[in-house]
Amino acid sequence: MPEVVAKRKDFEKERDSLTAKSSRDKVEEVYGCSSRQANRILQKLRGGAPLRVPYRIQILNLLENGNKKTADFISAIQGNPEAVKNELKRLIDKGEIVRVKRGVYSIA
């Protein structure tokens, strides 16, 4: 267990040492991500547009407080209604949420 804690501290130290001037290759190495994702991380470090929170995470966060209707998701997320509905369908297919009744959803 001490090795795991030490490894985690090393990662956090390396991650915290990244700056806006860090190379994309360094960001890829530290985060273990693709070059596209590394570019997004660097853009955020440089004060660019914040990363968009995916609909999936927004939906799951809203469902933590209980059952919600489709209209509640659309108004809270303020996204394209079709995109929100598509994400709801994906989450149902994956089994992460369930449809209680027509237009009402809950966490599985």
N, C-alpha and C. Protein backbone atom coordinates (compact mmCIF):
# COMPACT_ATOMS: atom_id res chain seq x y z
N MET A 1 0.81 -1.21 0.00
CA MET A 1 0.00 0.00 0.00
C MET A 1 0.85 1.27 0.00
N PRO A 2 1.97 1.31 0.73
CA PRO A 2 2.79 2.53 0.70
C PRO A 2 3.31 2.86 -0.69
N GLU A 3 3.54 1.80 -1.51
CA GLU A 3 4.03 2.05 -2.87
C GLU A 3 2.97 2.76 -3.70
N VAL A 4 1.71 2.37 -3.49
CA VAL A 4 0.60 2.97 -4.22
C VAL A 4 0.46 4.44 -3.85
N VAL A 5 0.56 4.73 -2.56
CA VAL A 5 0.45 6.11 -2.09
C VAL A 5 1.60 6.94 -2.64
N ALA A 6 2.80 6.39 -2.64
CA ALA A 6 3.96 7.11 -3.15
C ALA A 6 3.81 7.36 -4.65
N LYS A 7 3.32 6.36 -5.37
CA LYS A 7 3.13 6.50 -6.82
C LYS A 7 2.10 7.60 -7.11
N ARG A 8 1.02 7.61 -6.32
CA ARG A 8 -0.02 8.61 -6.50
C ARG A 8 0.51 10.02 -6.22
N LYS A 9 1.31 10.15 -5.17
CA LYS A 9 1.89 11.46 -4.84
C LYS A 9 2.83 11.92 -5.95
N ASP A 10 3.60 10.99 -6.53
CA ASP A 10 4.48 11.34 -7.64
C ASP A 10 3.69 11.85 -8.83
N PHE A 11 2.58 11.14 -9.13
CA PHE A 11 1.72 11.56 -10.24
C PHE A 11 1.18 12.96 -9.99
N GLU A 12 0.66 13.19 -8.78
CA GLU A 12 0.08 14.50 -8.46
C GLU A 12 1.13 15.60 -8.54
N LYS A 13 2.34 15.29 -8.09
CA LYS A 13 3.43 16.27 -8.15
C LYS A 13 3.76 16.60 -9.61
N GLU A 14 3.83 15.57 -10.44
CA GLU A 14 4.13 15.77 -11.85
C GLU A 14 3.00 16.53 -12.55
N ARG A 15 1.76 16.18 -12.22
CA ARG A 15 0.60 16.85 -12.81
C ARG A 15 0.58 18.33 -12.41
N ASP A 16 0.88 18.62 -11.15
CA ASP A 16 0.87 20.00 -10.67
C ASP A 16 2.00 20.83 -11.27
N SER A 17 3.05 20.15 -11.75
CA SER A 17 4.18 20.88 -12.33
C SER A 17 3.91 21.30 -13.78
N LEU A 18 2.83 20.80 -14.38
CA LEU A 18 2.52 21.18 -15.75
C LEU A 18 2.07 22.64 -15.78
N THR A 19 2.53 23.34 -16.79
CA THR A 19 2.15 24.75 -16.96
C THR A 19 1.64 24.95 -18.37
N ALA A 20 1.27 26.16 -18.68
CA ALA A 20 0.79 26.49 -20.02
C ALA A 20 1.90 26.34 -21.05
N LYS A 21 3.14 26.36 -20.60
CA LYS A 21 4.27 26.23 -21.52
C LYS A 21 4.74 24.80 -21.68
N SER A 22 4.10 23.88 -20.99
CA SER A 22 4.47 22.47 -21.12
C SER A 22 4.18 21.99 -22.53
N SER A 23 4.94 21.00 -22.97
CA SER A 23 4.72 20.47 -24.31
C SER A 23 3.53 19.51 -24.31
N ARG A 24 2.95 19.35 -25.47
CA ARG A 24 1.82 18.44 -25.60
C ARG A 24 2.26 17.00 -25.29
N ASP A 25 3.48 16.66 -25.70
CA ASP A 25 3.99 15.31 -25.44
C ASP A 25 4.08 15.04 -23.93
N LYS A 26 4.50 16.03 -23.17
CA LYS A 26 4.60 15.88 -21.72
C LYS A 26 3.22 15.68 -21.10
N VAL A 27 2.24 16.45 -21.57
CA VAL A 27 0.87 16.32 -21.06
C VAL A 27 0.32 14.93 -21.39
N GLU A 28 0.58 14.46 -22.62
CA GLU A 28 0.14 13.11 -23.01
C GLU A 28 0.76 12.06 -22.10
N GLU A 29 2.03 12.22 -21.79
CA GLU A 29 2.73 11.25 -20.94
C GLU A 29 2.18 11.25 -19.52
N VAL A 30 1.96 12.42 -18.95
CA VAL A 30 1.51 12.52 -17.57
C VAL A 30 0.07 12.01 -17.42
N TYR A 31 -0.81 12.47 -18.32
CA TYR A 31 -2.22 12.08 -18.22
C TYR A 31 -2.53 10.75 -18.89
N GLY A 32 -1.64 10.30 -19.77
CA GLY A 32 -1.89 9.06 -20.50
C GLY A 32 -3.07 9.21 -21.44
N CYS A 33 -3.13 10.33 -22.13
CA CYS A 33 -4.28 10.62 -22.99
C CYS A 33 -3.82 10.81 -24.43
N SER A 34 -4.80 11.01 -25.31
CA SER A 34 -4.50 11.24 -26.72
C SER A 34 -3.98 12.66 -26.93
N SER A 35 -3.46 12.90 -28.11
CA SER A 35 -2.94 14.24 -28.41
C SER A 35 -4.07 15.27 -28.45
N ARG A 36 -5.24 14.85 -28.90
CA ARG A 36 -6.37 15.78 -28.94
C ARG A 36 -6.79 16.19 -27.53
N GLN A 37 -6.85 15.21 -26.63
CA GLN A 37 -7.22 15.53 -25.26
C GLN A 37 -6.13 16.38 -24.60
N ALA A 38 -4.86 16.09 -24.91
CA ALA A 38 -3.76 16.89 -24.37
C ALA A 38 -3.87 18.34 -24.83
N ASN A 39 -4.28 18.54 -26.07
CA ASN A 39 -4.48 19.91 -26.57
C ASN A 39 -5.57 20.62 -25.79
N ARG A 40 -6.64 19.90 -25.46
CA ARG A 40 -7.73 20.49 -24.69
C ARG A 40 -7.25 20.88 -23.30
N ILE A 41 -6.47 20.01 -22.68
CA ILE A 41 -5.94 20.29 -21.34
C ILE A 41 -5.04 21.52 -21.39
N LEU A 42 -4.17 21.58 -22.39
CA LEU A 42 -3.28 22.74 -22.52
C LEU A 42 -4.08 24.01 -22.78
N GLN A 43 -5.13 23.91 -23.57
CA GLN A 43 -5.97 25.09 -23.82
C GLN A 43 -6.57 25.59 -22.51
N LYS A 44 -7.01 24.67 -21.67
CA LYS A 44 -7.58 25.06 -20.38
C LYS A 44 -6.51 25.71 -19.50
N LEU A 45 -5.29 25.14 -19.50
CA LEU A 45 -4.20 25.71 -18.70
C LEU A 45 -3.84 27.11 -19.18
N ARG A 46 -4.01 27.35 -20.46
CA ARG A 46 -3.67 28.65 -21.04
C ARG A 46 -4.79 29.67 -20.90
N GLY A 47 -5.85 29.27 -20.19
CA GLY A 47 -6.94 30.21 -19.95
C GLY A 47 -7.97 30.23 -21.06
N GLY A 48 -7.97 29.22 -21.90
CA GLY A 48 -8.94 29.14 -22.98
C GLY A 48 -10.32 28.78 -22.46
N ALA A 49 -11.17 28.44 -23.36
CA ALA A 49 -12.53 28.07 -23.00
C ALA A 49 -12.51 26.85 -22.09
N PRO A 50 -13.33 26.84 -21.05
CA PRO A 50 -13.37 25.69 -20.16
C PRO A 50 -13.92 24.47 -20.89
N LEU A 51 -13.51 23.31 -20.45
CA LEU A 51 -13.98 22.09 -21.08
C LEU A 51 -15.47 21.91 -20.81
N ARG A 52 -16.19 21.46 -21.80
CA ARG A 52 -17.62 21.25 -21.68
C ARG A 52 -17.87 20.00 -20.85
N VAL A 53 -18.82 20.09 -19.94
CA VAL A 53 -19.20 18.93 -19.14
C VAL A 53 -20.13 18.08 -19.98
N PRO A 54 -19.80 16.81 -20.20
CA PRO A 54 -20.64 15.96 -21.05
C PRO A 54 -22.07 15.84 -20.51
N TYR A 55 -23.01 15.65 -21.45
CA TYR A 55 -24.42 15.49 -21.07
C TYR A 55 -24.58 14.33 -20.09
N ARG A 56 -23.84 13.26 -20.30
CA ARG A 56 -23.94 12.08 -19.44
C ARG A 56 -23.74 12.45 -17.98
N ILE A 57 -22.69 13.19 -17.70
CA ILE A 57 -22.37 13.57 -16.32
C ILE A 57 -23.43 14.54 -15.78
N GLN A 58 -23.88 15.47 -16.61
CA GLN A 58 -24.90 16.41 -16.17
C GLN A 58 -26.20 15.68 -15.82
N ILE A 59 -26.57 14.71 -16.65
CA ILE A 59 -27.80 13.94 -16.41
C ILE A 59 -27.69 13.15 -15.12
N LEU A 60 -26.56 12.46 -14.94
CA LEU A 60 -26.39 11.66 -13.72
C LEU A 60 -26.37 12.54 -12.47
N ASN A 61 -25.78 13.72 -12.56
CA ASN A 61 -25.78 14.65 -11.42
C ASN A 61 -27.20 15.12 -11.08
N LEU A 62 -27.99 15.38 -12.10
CA LEU A 62 -29.36 15.82 -11.86
C LEU A 62 -30.20 14.70 -11.23
N LEU A 63 -29.92 13.46 -11.61
CA LEU A 63 -30.69 12.33 -11.09
C LEU A 63 -30.32 11.96 -9.66
N GLU A 64 -29.24 12.50 -9.14
CA GLU A 64 -28.85 12.22 -7.75
C GLU A 64 -29.91 12.73 -6.78
N ASN A 65 -30.66 13.75 -7.17
CA ASN A 65 -31.69 14.34 -6.30
C ASN A 65 -33.04 13.68 -6.46
N GLY A 66 -33.15 12.62 -7.25
CA GLY A 66 -34.43 11.94 -7.43
C GLY A 66 -34.84 11.88 -8.88
N ASN A 67 -36.05 11.39 -9.11
CA ASN A 67 -36.58 11.25 -10.47
C ASN A 67 -36.70 12.61 -11.16
N LYS A 68 -36.45 12.60 -12.45
CA LYS A 68 -36.57 13.83 -13.24
C LYS A 68 -37.30 13.53 -14.54
N LYS A 69 -37.95 14.56 -15.06
CA LYS A 69 -38.63 14.48 -16.34
C LYS A 69 -37.67 14.95 -17.44
N THR A 70 -38.00 14.58 -18.66
CA THR A 70 -37.19 14.98 -19.81
C THR A 70 -37.10 16.51 -19.89
N ALA A 71 -38.21 17.18 -19.65
CA ALA A 71 -38.22 18.65 -19.71
C ALA A 71 -37.28 19.26 -18.68
N ASP A 72 -37.16 18.61 -17.51
CA ASP A 72 -36.24 19.10 -16.47
C ASP A 72 -34.79 19.05 -16.96
N PHE A 73 -34.45 17.95 -17.65
CA PHE A 73 -33.08 17.82 -18.18
C PHE A 73 -32.81 18.89 -19.23
N ILE A 74 -33.74 19.07 -20.13
CA ILE A 74 -33.56 20.02 -21.23
C ILE A 74 -33.40 21.44 -20.70
N SER A 75 -34.21 21.81 -19.72
CA SER A 75 -34.11 23.18 -19.19
C SER A 75 -32.85 23.36 -18.34
N ALA A 76 -32.45 22.35 -17.59
CA ALA A 76 -31.26 22.47 -16.74
C ALA A 76 -29.97 22.46 -17.56
N ILE A 77 -29.91 21.61 -18.56
CA ILE A 77 -28.70 21.48 -19.37
C ILE A 77 -28.62 22.58 -20.41
N GLN A 78 -29.75 23.04 -20.88
CA GLN A 78 -29.85 24.07 -21.92
C GLN A 78 -29.08 23.67 -23.17
N GLY A 79 -29.25 22.41 -23.54
CA GLY A 79 -28.63 21.91 -24.75
C GLY A 79 -29.69 21.62 -25.79
N ASN A 80 -29.27 21.06 -26.89
CA ASN A 80 -30.18 20.67 -27.94
C ASN A 80 -31.08 19.56 -27.40
N PRO A 81 -32.41 19.72 -27.44
CA PRO A 81 -33.31 18.70 -26.89
C PRO A 81 -33.10 17.32 -27.48
N GLU A 82 -32.82 17.24 -28.78
CA GLU A 82 -32.59 15.93 -29.41
C GLU A 82 -31.32 15.28 -28.86
N ALA A 83 -30.29 16.07 -28.64
CA ALA A 83 -29.04 15.53 -28.09
C ALA A 83 -29.25 15.02 -26.68
N VAL A 84 -30.03 15.73 -25.89
CA VAL A 84 -30.32 15.29 -24.52
C VAL A 84 -31.10 13.98 -24.55
N LYS A 85 -32.10 13.91 -25.43
CA LYS A 85 -32.89 12.68 -25.55
C LYS A 85 -32.05 11.51 -26.02
N ASN A 86 -31.13 11.77 -26.95
CA ASN A 86 -30.24 10.70 -27.42
C ASN A 86 -29.36 10.19 -26.28
N GLU A 87 -28.88 11.11 -25.46
CA GLU A 87 -28.03 10.69 -24.33
C GLU A 87 -28.84 9.91 -23.30
N LEU A 88 -30.07 10.31 -23.08
CA LEU A 88 -30.94 9.55 -22.17
C LEU A 88 -31.12 8.12 -22.68
N LYS A 89 -31.34 7.99 -23.99
CA LYS A 89 -31.51 6.66 -24.57
C LYS A 89 -30.24 5.83 -24.40
N ARG A 90 -29.07 6.46 -24.63
CA ARG A 90 -27.79 5.75 -24.46
C ARG A 90 -27.63 5.26 -23.02
N LEU A 91 -27.97 6.10 -22.07
CA LEU A 91 -27.83 5.73 -20.66
C LEU A 91 -28.79 4.59 -20.29
N ILE A 92 -29.97 4.60 -20.87
CA ILE A 92 -30.92 3.51 -20.63
C ILE A 92 -30.37 2.21 -21.22
N ASP A 93 -29.86 2.29 -22.44
CA ASP A 93 -29.31 1.09 -23.10
C ASP A 93 -28.14 0.51 -22.32
N LYS A 94 -27.33 1.37 -21.72
CA LYS A 94 -26.19 0.91 -20.91
C LYS A 94 -26.62 0.38 -19.55
N GLY A 95 -27.82 0.72 -19.13
CA GLY A 95 -28.32 0.28 -17.84
C GLY A 95 -27.93 1.19 -16.68
N GLU A 96 -27.46 2.40 -16.99
CA GLU A 96 -27.07 3.33 -15.93
C GLU A 96 -28.27 4.05 -15.33
N ILE A 97 -29.31 4.24 -16.15
CA ILE A 97 -30.55 4.83 -15.65
C ILE A 97 -31.71 3.96 -16.13
N VAL A 98 -32.86 4.18 -15.53
CA VAL A 98 -34.06 3.45 -15.95
C VAL A 98 -35.19 4.44 -16.20
N ARG A 99 -36.09 4.03 -17.07
CA ARG A 99 -37.26 4.83 -17.35
C ARG A 99 -38.35 4.37 -16.39
N VAL A 100 -38.78 5.25 -15.49
CA VAL A 100 -39.81 4.92 -14.51
C VAL A 100 -41.16 4.84 -15.21
N LYS A 101 -41.46 5.85 -15.97
CA LYS A 101 -42.64 5.88 -16.84
C LYS A 101 -42.30 6.83 -17.97
N ARG A 102 -43.24 7.02 -18.85
CA ARG A 102 -42.95 7.82 -20.03
C ARG A 102 -42.47 9.22 -19.65
N GLY A 103 -41.22 9.55 -20.05
CA GLY A 103 -40.65 10.85 -19.79
C GLY A 103 -40.11 11.07 -18.40
N VAL A 104 -40.08 10.03 -17.55
CA VAL A 104 -39.55 10.17 -16.19
C VAL A 104 -38.43 9.14 -16.01
N TYR A 105 -37.30 9.60 -15.49
CA TYR A 105 -36.12 8.75 -15.38
C TYR A 105 -35.60 8.73 -13.95
N SER A 106 -34.87 7.64 -13.65
CA SER A 106 -34.28 7.47 -12.32
C SER A 106 -32.96 6.73 -12.49
N ILE A 107 -32.10 6.84 -11.49
CA ILE A 107 -30.84 6.08 -11.50
C ILE A 107 -31.17 4.62 -11.26
N ALA A 108 -30.49 3.75 -12.04
CA ALA A 108 -30.74 2.29 -11.92
C ALA A 108 -30.32 1.76 -10.58
